[in-house]
Amino acid sequence: MNNTKIVIQDSINLLLAEKRTSLDVLRTAIAIFTLSLSVQF
């Protein structure tokens, strides 16, 4: 039972870390896109 609990916690931590990473990538992409737009005008 205890092992299952640890595996579930690890899975949740991994999912949260992946979510954070994808949000960081999205934020970076938006920043680059905005920067390239502001350079063009």
Protein backbone atom coordinates (compact mmCIF):
# COMPACT_ATOMS: atom_id res chain seq x y z
CA MET A 1 0.00 0.00 0.00
CA ASN A 2 2.79 2.40 0.94
CA ASN A 3 4.58 1.81 -2.37
CA THR A 4 1.42 2.62 -4.32
CA LYS A 5 1.11 5.90 -2.45
CA ILE A 6 4.69 6.83 -3.34
CA VAL A 7 4.15 5.97 -7.02
CA ILE A 8 0.98 8.11 -7.12
CA GLN A 9 2.79 11.06 -5.50
CA ASP A 10 5.66 10.70 -7.99
CA SER A 11 3.20 10.65 -10.88
CA ILE A 12 1.45 13.79 -9.63
CA ASN A 13 4.79 15.58 -9.16
CA LEU A 14 5.82 14.58 -12.68
CA LEU A 15 2.54 15.82 -14.16
CA LEU A 16 2.87 19.14 -12.32
CA ALA A 17 6.46 19.52 -13.48
CA GLU A 18 5.45 18.82 -17.09
CA LYS A 19 2.61 21.34 -16.81
CA ARG A 20 5.05 23.98 -15.50
CA THR A 21 7.49 23.22 -18.31
CA SER A 22 4.85 23.52 -21.02
CA LEU A 23 3.64 26.81 -19.54
CA ASP A 24 7.23 28.12 -19.55
CA VAL A 25 7.64 27.11 -23.20
CA LEU A 26 4.34 28.80 -24.07
CA ARG A 27 5.34 31.98 -22.23
CA THR A 28 8.69 32.05 -24.04
CA ALA A 29 7.01 31.52 -27.42
CA ILE A 30 4.58 34.38 -26.73
CA ALA A 31 7.45 36.65 -25.68
CA ILE A 32 9.43 35.89 -28.84
CA PHE A 33 6.33 36.34 -31.01
CA THR A 34 5.51 39.69 -29.37
CA LEU A 35 9.13 40.82 -29.70
CA SER A 36 9.25 39.97 -33.41
CA LEU A 37 5.97 41.84 -33.93
CA SER A 38 7.25 44.94 -32.14
CA VAL A 39 10.49 44.82 -34.18
CA GLN A 40 8.56 44.74 -37.48
CA PHE A 41 6.46 47.84 -36.73
